[in-house]
Amino acid sequence: MAGTRNKQMYSNFCIQRNEVDKHSILHIENTSTAPAFPCGVNVQYVPSNRLSSNAVDLETNLLGIGSNNYVYPTSTPTPSFTSMSTVMFTPAPRVYIPILPPYLQGQRPL
């Protein structure tokens, strides 16, 4: 049975292709060129290539991929970790410690 929906028309293909292009542009613009860990917040997801320069080799070794290859045996990779700086969201508030007058020092609060 032939398709009769509009999704198979050339104009709808062009519209969908433009949407895909717009999404790829937005995704590229939102990526950071200088990533950093947020200070005081748990990070939900960090790409593996930001934590180590040879993350694929390390994961391959941990999962045991290629361990039964006797023609080209795999070697144990040396981890090369990358360090990331930390960034504060807001400046830390200043701590205010009041100085008590001399006649109130050493007394218990009410």
N, C-alpha and C. Protein backbone atom coordinates (compact mmCIF):
# COMPACT_ATOMS: atom_id res chain seq x y z
N MET A 1 0.84 -1.17 0.00
CA MET A 1 0.00 0.00 0.00
C MET A 1 0.89 1.24 0.00
N ALA A 2 0.55 2.17 -0.81
CA ALA A 2 1.36 3.37 -0.96
C ALA A 2 1.12 4.31 0.22
N GLY A 3 2.16 5.05 0.59
CA GLY A 3 2.03 6.02 1.67
C GLY A 3 1.32 7.27 1.18
N THR A 4 0.35 7.74 1.96
CA THR A 4 -0.40 8.93 1.57
C THR A 4 -0.22 10.08 2.56
N ARG A 5 0.67 9.93 3.52
CA ARG A 5 0.85 10.98 4.51
C ARG A 5 1.75 12.08 3.95
N ASN A 6 1.65 13.26 4.54
CA ASN A 6 2.43 14.40 4.08
C ASN A 6 3.92 14.27 4.37
N LYS A 7 4.30 13.36 5.25
CA LYS A 7 5.71 13.25 5.60
C LYS A 7 6.55 12.75 4.42
N GLN A 8 5.93 12.21 3.40
CA GLN A 8 6.69 11.70 2.27
C GLN A 8 6.76 12.70 1.12
N MET A 9 6.35 13.94 1.35
CA MET A 9 6.44 14.97 0.33
C MET A 9 7.78 15.68 0.45
N TYR A 10 8.25 16.25 -0.64
CA TYR A 10 9.55 16.91 -0.66
C TYR A 10 9.57 18.14 0.25
N SER A 11 8.48 18.90 0.29
CA SER A 11 8.45 20.11 1.13
C SER A 11 8.54 19.75 2.61
N ASN A 12 7.87 18.67 3.03
CA ASN A 12 7.96 18.26 4.42
C ASN A 12 9.35 17.72 4.76
N PHE A 13 10.00 17.09 3.80
CA PHE A 13 11.38 16.64 4.01
C PHE A 13 12.29 17.84 4.25
N CYS A 14 12.10 18.91 3.46
CA CYS A 14 12.93 20.11 3.62
C CYS A 14 12.69 20.77 4.98
N ILE A 15 11.43 20.81 5.43
CA ILE A 15 11.13 21.39 6.74
C ILE A 15 11.78 20.58 7.85
N GLN A 16 11.68 19.26 7.76
CA GLN A 16 12.28 18.41 8.79
C GLN A 16 13.80 18.54 8.77
N ARG A 17 14.39 18.64 7.60
CA ARG A 17 15.84 18.78 7.51
C ARG A 17 16.32 20.11 8.11
N ASN A 18 15.55 21.18 7.90
CA ASN A 18 15.88 22.47 8.51
C ASN A 18 15.80 22.41 10.03
N GLU A 19 14.81 21.68 10.58
CA GLU A 19 14.71 21.52 12.03
C GLU A 19 15.91 20.77 12.58
N VAL A 20 16.35 19.75 11.88
CA VAL A 20 17.53 19.00 12.32
C VAL A 20 18.76 19.89 12.30
N ASP A 21 18.91 20.71 11.27
CA ASP A 21 20.04 21.64 11.20
C ASP A 21 20.01 22.65 12.34
N LYS A 22 18.82 23.17 12.67
CA LYS A 22 18.70 24.13 13.76
C LYS A 22 19.07 23.49 15.09
N HIS A 23 18.64 22.24 15.31
CA HIS A 23 18.98 21.54 16.55
C HIS A 23 20.48 21.32 16.66
N SER A 24 21.13 21.00 15.56
CA SER A 24 22.57 20.78 15.62
C SER A 24 23.31 22.08 15.90
N ILE A 25 22.84 23.20 15.35
CA ILE A 25 23.47 24.50 15.63
C ILE A 25 23.30 24.87 17.09
N LEU A 26 22.10 24.67 17.64
CA LEU A 26 21.86 24.98 19.05
C LEU A 26 22.72 24.10 19.95
N HIS A 27 22.87 22.85 19.59
CA HIS A 27 23.67 21.94 20.41
C HIS A 27 25.14 22.35 20.40
N ILE A 28 25.65 22.76 19.26
CA ILE A 28 27.05 23.16 19.17
C ILE A 28 27.28 24.47 19.92
N GLU A 29 26.34 25.41 19.86
CA GLU A 29 26.52 26.68 20.54
C GLU A 29 26.46 26.56 22.05
N ASN A 30 25.75 25.55 22.57
CA ASN A 30 25.60 25.41 24.01
C ASN A 30 26.72 24.60 24.65
N THR A 31 27.61 24.03 23.88
CA THR A 31 28.71 23.29 24.48
C THR A 31 29.78 24.27 24.94
N SER A 32 30.41 23.94 26.04
CA SER A 32 31.41 24.83 26.62
C SER A 32 32.79 24.48 26.09
N THR A 33 33.56 25.50 25.81
CA THR A 33 34.93 25.26 25.35
C THR A 33 35.89 25.14 26.52
N ALA A 34 35.50 25.66 27.68
CA ALA A 34 36.34 25.56 28.89
C ALA A 34 35.48 24.99 30.02
N PRO A 35 35.28 23.67 30.08
CA PRO A 35 34.40 23.10 31.09
C PRO A 35 35.02 23.20 32.48
N ALA A 36 34.16 23.25 33.49
CA ALA A 36 34.61 23.32 34.88
C ALA A 36 33.55 22.68 35.76
N PHE A 37 33.98 22.16 36.91
CA PHE A 37 33.05 21.59 37.87
C PHE A 37 32.39 22.71 38.66
N PRO A 38 31.07 22.65 38.87
CA PRO A 38 30.43 23.65 39.72
C PRO A 38 30.79 23.38 41.17
N CYS A 39 31.09 24.41 41.91
CA CYS A 39 31.51 24.29 43.29
C CYS A 39 30.29 24.18 44.19
N GLY A 40 30.20 23.13 44.98
CA GLY A 40 29.10 22.95 45.92
C GLY A 40 27.88 22.28 45.34
N VAL A 41 27.95 21.77 44.12
CA VAL A 41 26.80 21.12 43.48
C VAL A 41 27.27 19.78 42.95
N ASN A 42 26.45 18.74 43.14
CA ASN A 42 26.79 17.44 42.60
C ASN A 42 26.59 17.44 41.09
N VAL A 43 27.57 16.98 40.36
CA VAL A 43 27.52 16.95 38.91
C VAL A 43 26.76 15.70 38.48
N GLN A 44 25.77 15.86 37.61
CA GLN A 44 24.96 14.73 37.18
C GLN A 44 25.62 13.94 36.06
N TYR A 45 26.24 14.63 35.11
CA TYR A 45 26.82 13.94 33.96
C TYR A 45 28.03 14.73 33.48
N VAL A 46 29.11 14.01 33.28
CA VAL A 46 30.32 14.59 32.70
C VAL A 46 30.76 13.64 31.59
N PRO A 47 30.96 14.12 30.37
CA PRO A 47 31.41 13.24 29.30
C PRO A 47 32.76 12.61 29.63
N SER A 48 32.94 11.39 29.20
CA SER A 48 34.17 10.66 29.56
C SER A 48 35.42 11.29 28.95
N ASN A 49 35.28 11.96 27.81
CA ASN A 49 36.47 12.57 27.21
C ASN A 49 36.92 13.82 27.96
N ARG A 50 36.09 14.35 28.88
CA ARG A 50 36.49 15.49 29.71
C ARG A 50 37.28 15.03 30.94
N LEU A 51 37.13 13.76 31.33
CA LEU A 51 37.79 13.26 32.53
C LEU A 51 39.13 12.58 32.21
N SER A 52 39.25 12.01 31.03
CA SER A 52 40.48 11.32 30.65
C SER A 52 40.66 11.42 29.15
N SER A 53 41.90 11.52 28.73
CA SER A 53 42.14 11.64 27.29
C SER A 53 42.08 10.29 26.59
N ASN A 54 42.21 9.19 27.32
CA ASN A 54 42.10 7.86 26.72
C ASN A 54 41.00 7.06 27.41
N ALA A 55 39.81 7.65 27.52
CA ALA A 55 38.70 7.03 28.23
C ALA A 55 38.20 5.76 27.52
N VAL A 56 38.24 5.74 26.20
CA VAL A 56 37.76 4.56 25.46
C VAL A 56 38.67 3.37 25.72
N ASP A 57 39.97 3.59 25.73
CA ASP A 57 40.90 2.49 26.00
C ASP A 57 40.74 1.96 27.42
N LEU A 58 40.52 2.85 28.37
CA LEU A 58 40.33 2.42 29.75
C LEU A 58 39.05 1.60 29.90
N GLU A 59 37.97 2.06 29.28
CA GLU A 59 36.70 1.34 29.37
C GLU A 59 36.79 -0.01 28.67
N THR A 60 37.48 -0.06 27.55
CA THR A 60 37.68 -1.32 26.85
C THR A 60 38.44 -2.31 27.71
N ASN A 61 39.44 -1.84 28.41
CA ASN A 61 40.23 -2.72 29.28
C ASN A 61 39.39 -3.17 30.48
N LEU A 62 38.59 -2.28 31.07
CA LEU A 62 37.76 -2.65 32.22
C LEU A 62 36.68 -3.66 31.85
N LEU A 63 36.12 -3.55 30.65
CA LEU A 63 35.08 -4.48 30.23
C LEU A 63 35.65 -5.78 29.67
N GLY A 64 36.95 -5.84 29.46
CA GLY A 64 37.57 -7.06 28.97
C GLY A 64 37.39 -7.28 27.49
N ILE A 65 37.16 -6.24 26.73
CA ILE A 65 36.98 -6.38 25.29
C ILE A 65 38.33 -6.66 24.67
N GLY A 66 38.41 -7.69 23.87
CA GLY A 66 39.65 -8.06 23.21
C GLY A 66 40.58 -8.88 24.09
N SER A 67 40.11 -9.36 25.23
CA SER A 67 40.98 -10.13 26.11
C SER A 67 41.25 -11.53 25.56
N ASN A 68 40.41 -12.04 24.66
CA ASN A 68 40.62 -13.36 24.07
C ASN A 68 41.25 -13.29 22.70
N ASN A 69 41.75 -12.14 22.30
CA ASN A 69 42.38 -11.98 21.01
C ASN A 69 43.85 -12.39 21.15
N TYR A 70 44.17 -13.58 20.67
CA TYR A 70 45.54 -14.09 20.81
C TYR A 70 46.44 -13.66 19.66
N VAL A 71 45.87 -13.16 18.56
CA VAL A 71 46.68 -12.70 17.44
C VAL A 71 47.27 -11.33 17.75
N TYR A 72 46.40 -10.40 18.18
CA TYR A 72 46.83 -9.06 18.58
C TYR A 72 46.42 -8.82 20.03
N PRO A 73 47.21 -9.28 20.98
CA PRO A 73 46.80 -9.10 22.38
C PRO A 73 46.82 -7.62 22.78
N THR A 74 45.87 -7.28 23.62
CA THR A 74 45.77 -5.89 24.06
C THR A 74 46.70 -5.65 25.24
N SER A 75 47.18 -4.44 25.35
CA SER A 75 48.03 -4.07 26.47
C SER A 75 47.23 -3.26 27.47
N THR A 76 47.70 -3.20 28.68
CA THR A 76 47.02 -2.42 29.71
C THR A 76 47.35 -0.95 29.52
N PRO A 77 46.32 -0.11 29.28
CA PRO A 77 46.59 1.31 29.04
C PRO A 77 46.94 2.04 30.34
N THR A 78 47.77 3.04 30.21
CA THR A 78 48.10 3.89 31.34
C THR A 78 47.11 5.05 31.37
N PRO A 79 46.39 5.24 32.48
CA PRO A 79 45.41 6.32 32.51
C PRO A 79 46.08 7.69 32.47
N SER A 80 45.50 8.57 31.68
CA SER A 80 45.97 9.95 31.62
C SER A 80 44.78 10.85 31.93
N PHE A 81 44.62 11.16 33.20
CA PHE A 81 43.48 11.94 33.66
C PHE A 81 43.69 13.42 33.36
N THR A 82 42.60 14.10 33.10
CA THR A 82 42.64 15.54 32.90
C THR A 82 42.00 16.21 34.11
N SER A 83 42.52 17.33 34.50
CA SER A 83 41.97 18.05 35.64
C SER A 83 41.10 19.20 35.14
N MET A 84 40.03 19.44 35.87
CA MET A 84 39.11 20.51 35.52
C MET A 84 39.06 21.50 36.67
N SER A 85 38.92 22.76 36.35
CA SER A 85 38.84 23.79 37.37
C SER A 85 37.43 23.82 37.96
N THR A 86 37.26 24.56 39.04
CA THR A 86 35.95 24.71 39.66
C THR A 86 35.47 26.15 39.46
N VAL A 87 34.16 26.29 39.39
CA VAL A 87 33.54 27.59 39.16
C VAL A 87 32.45 27.80 40.21
N MET A 88 32.42 28.99 40.79
CA MET A 88 31.36 29.33 41.75
C MET A 88 30.16 29.89 40.99
N PHE A 89 28.95 29.49 41.39
CA PHE A 89 27.75 30.05 40.79
C PHE A 89 27.54 31.48 41.26
N THR A 90 27.62 31.67 42.56
CA THR A 90 27.45 32.99 43.15
C THR A 90 28.61 33.23 44.11
N PRO A 91 28.95 34.47 44.36
CA PRO A 91 30.02 34.71 45.33
C PRO A 91 29.58 34.30 46.73
N ALA A 92 30.52 33.82 47.51
CA ALA A 92 30.21 33.39 48.87
C ALA A 92 29.84 34.59 49.73
N PRO A 93 28.82 34.46 50.57
CA PRO A 93 28.44 35.60 51.41
C PRO A 93 29.50 35.85 52.49
N ARG A 94 29.66 37.11 52.82
CA ARG A 94 30.61 37.46 53.86
C ARG A 94 30.01 37.14 55.22
N VAL A 95 30.81 36.64 56.12
CA VAL A 95 30.35 36.30 57.46
C VAL A 95 30.44 37.55 58.33
N TYR A 96 29.34 37.88 58.97
CA TYR A 96 29.30 39.06 59.83
C TYR A 96 29.34 38.61 61.28
N ILE A 97 30.38 38.96 61.99
CA ILE A 97 30.50 38.64 63.41
C ILE A 97 30.45 39.96 64.17
N PRO A 98 29.40 40.19 64.94
CA PRO A 98 29.30 41.46 65.65
C PRO A 98 30.30 41.52 66.82
N ILE A 99 30.79 42.70 67.08
CA ILE A 99 31.68 42.92 68.22
C ILE A 99 30.82 43.44 69.38
N LEU A 100 30.83 42.71 70.48
CA LEU A 100 30.00 43.06 71.61
C LEU A 100 30.67 44.15 72.43
N PRO A 101 29.88 45.01 73.02
CA PRO A 101 30.46 46.01 73.93
C PRO A 101 31.10 45.32 75.15
N PRO A 102 32.04 45.96 75.80
CA PRO A 102 32.76 45.29 76.90
C PRO A 102 31.85 44.90 78.07
N TYR A 103 30.75 45.61 78.29
CA TYR A 103 29.90 45.27 79.44
C TYR A 103 29.00 44.07 79.15
N LEU A 104 28.92 43.60 77.87
CA LEU A 104 28.12 42.42 77.54
C LEU A 104 28.96 41.17 77.31
N GLN A 105 30.26 41.29 77.31
CA GLN A 105 31.09 40.13 77.06
C GLN A 105 31.11 39.22 78.28
N GLY A 106 31.10 37.92 78.02
CA GLY A 106 31.13 36.95 79.08
C GLY A 106 29.77 36.65 79.69
N GLN A 107 28.70 37.21 79.16
CA GLN A 107 27.36 36.94 79.69
C GLN A 107 26.65 35.92 78.78
N ARG A 108 25.74 35.21 79.40
CA ARG A 108 24.96 34.23 78.64
C ARG A 108 23.80 34.92 77.95
N PRO A 109 23.42 34.44 76.78
CA PRO A 109 22.26 35.03 76.10
C PRO A 109 20.98 34.68 76.83
N LEU A 110 19.99 35.50 76.65
CA LEU A 110 18.69 35.26 77.30
C LEU A 110 17.93 34.16 76.64
